[in-house]
Amino acid sequence: MIIKLKMKRFEILPHDVQEMLFLQRFHIYVFKANFMDTRAIFKASGFLILTVIGIPSNLFICCAFLHTRLTEAKLTPADIILCHLAVANLTSTITRSFSQMLTAFGYRNIYDDFSCKLVVFFFRVSRSLSIKLTCLLSTYQAVLVSPATSILDSLKHIIPKYLQHIIVSFYAFCFATSVHLLLYSSSSLINNTIPPYTFNYEYCYVTYPDYTFFISIGLSLFFRDFAFIVMMAVMSCYILVLLYRHGKKVKNLRSTDHGNSRSRAETKASFAVVTLVILYTVFFGVDNAIWLYSLTIVRVAPLISDIRGFFSILYTSVCPVVVIATNPKVKAKLKLPRLRRLPHSVDTSSPTM
């Protein structure tokens, strides 16, 4: 009856007005459909690129350091940190980027409740580990380049000696501060409606019981990560100051070739670490600006969640590219296949008598 009344009300309108209303509604529908299609295409393409880059590159770094450890010599503390960082980035890529890519391509219900709890838990653990390991890497590099008169000089022997203990404590801390996700993560919604105080990963949902718990967990995680971001930024600035002073000091001096090569290697390693810190700080800033904004509203728009999700995982694909381009041991593993094929190619191309 209500539908018939609405149809009659619509029929008494002039023909031009009816046509105008129809076109207006049609254009709105087309605009929304095109916007959704464009968003889905960009989202799927973005997470596909991150997955295709992140998984092979991080896996290659792990294999490169493992091969070095088994065949050549003991890994340096920086190499050990980079290896753990690659493992953390690989875990983040699989649990977040790969899962997000599947949902962007239309796959639904890819996890049950138990799998969802594990996926969200290990993503948050690996992401937190990535921050702490990058901070540890920048701190250790600052210690290496610090002069003998610096306060940090005493750490040159302490960090290598207790490195395994430091890394294990990072793992324990990240596991302990992320355990709440095992309680509040799920793969489905009641009545297919997103309740308040819910973080929507699209493949999983994290629903907190009330606003107090929601805001307290969010702020505690933010300040936990922010403290390490500040520390790595301070260490990176310290590295840049030392490199600037060192560059001015040796500008008109002549050193031995060994000293020059060692100095150049330390400089390249320092700039690589500073690059990683700058990238992480930028990505962290965008990610957590959206995170803090999401704490102030009940429901977050899907587009905002997509942008935050992209920046939260972007470092896991950019970091291995920087490591592969700057680390001599990893670069050497890329050259091994070509060196092994070279004698064979020379023999086959040489003329026979």
Foldseek 3Di string as FASTA:
>chain_A
DVVVVVVVVLVVDDPVVNVVVVVVVVVVVVVVVVVVVVLLVVLLVLLVVLLVQQQVLLVLLLVLVVCCPVPPHHDDLLSVLSNLLSVLLNLLSVLASVVSNCVSVPDALPDFFQVQLVSVLSNQLSLQLNLQSLLVNLLQLLCVLDDPPDPSVVCPPVCVVCVVVVSVVSSVVSNVLRVVSSVFKGQADDVRDDFWLWDCSVRMIGHDDDLVVSLVSLVVVLVSSVVSLVSSVVSLVSLVVSVVVVCVVCVPPDDDPVVVVVVVLSVLSSVLSSVLSVLLVVLSVLLVVLSVVSSVDGDDDPVSSSVNSSSSSVSSSVSSVSCCVRPPSSVVVVCVVVVVCVVVVVVVPDDDD
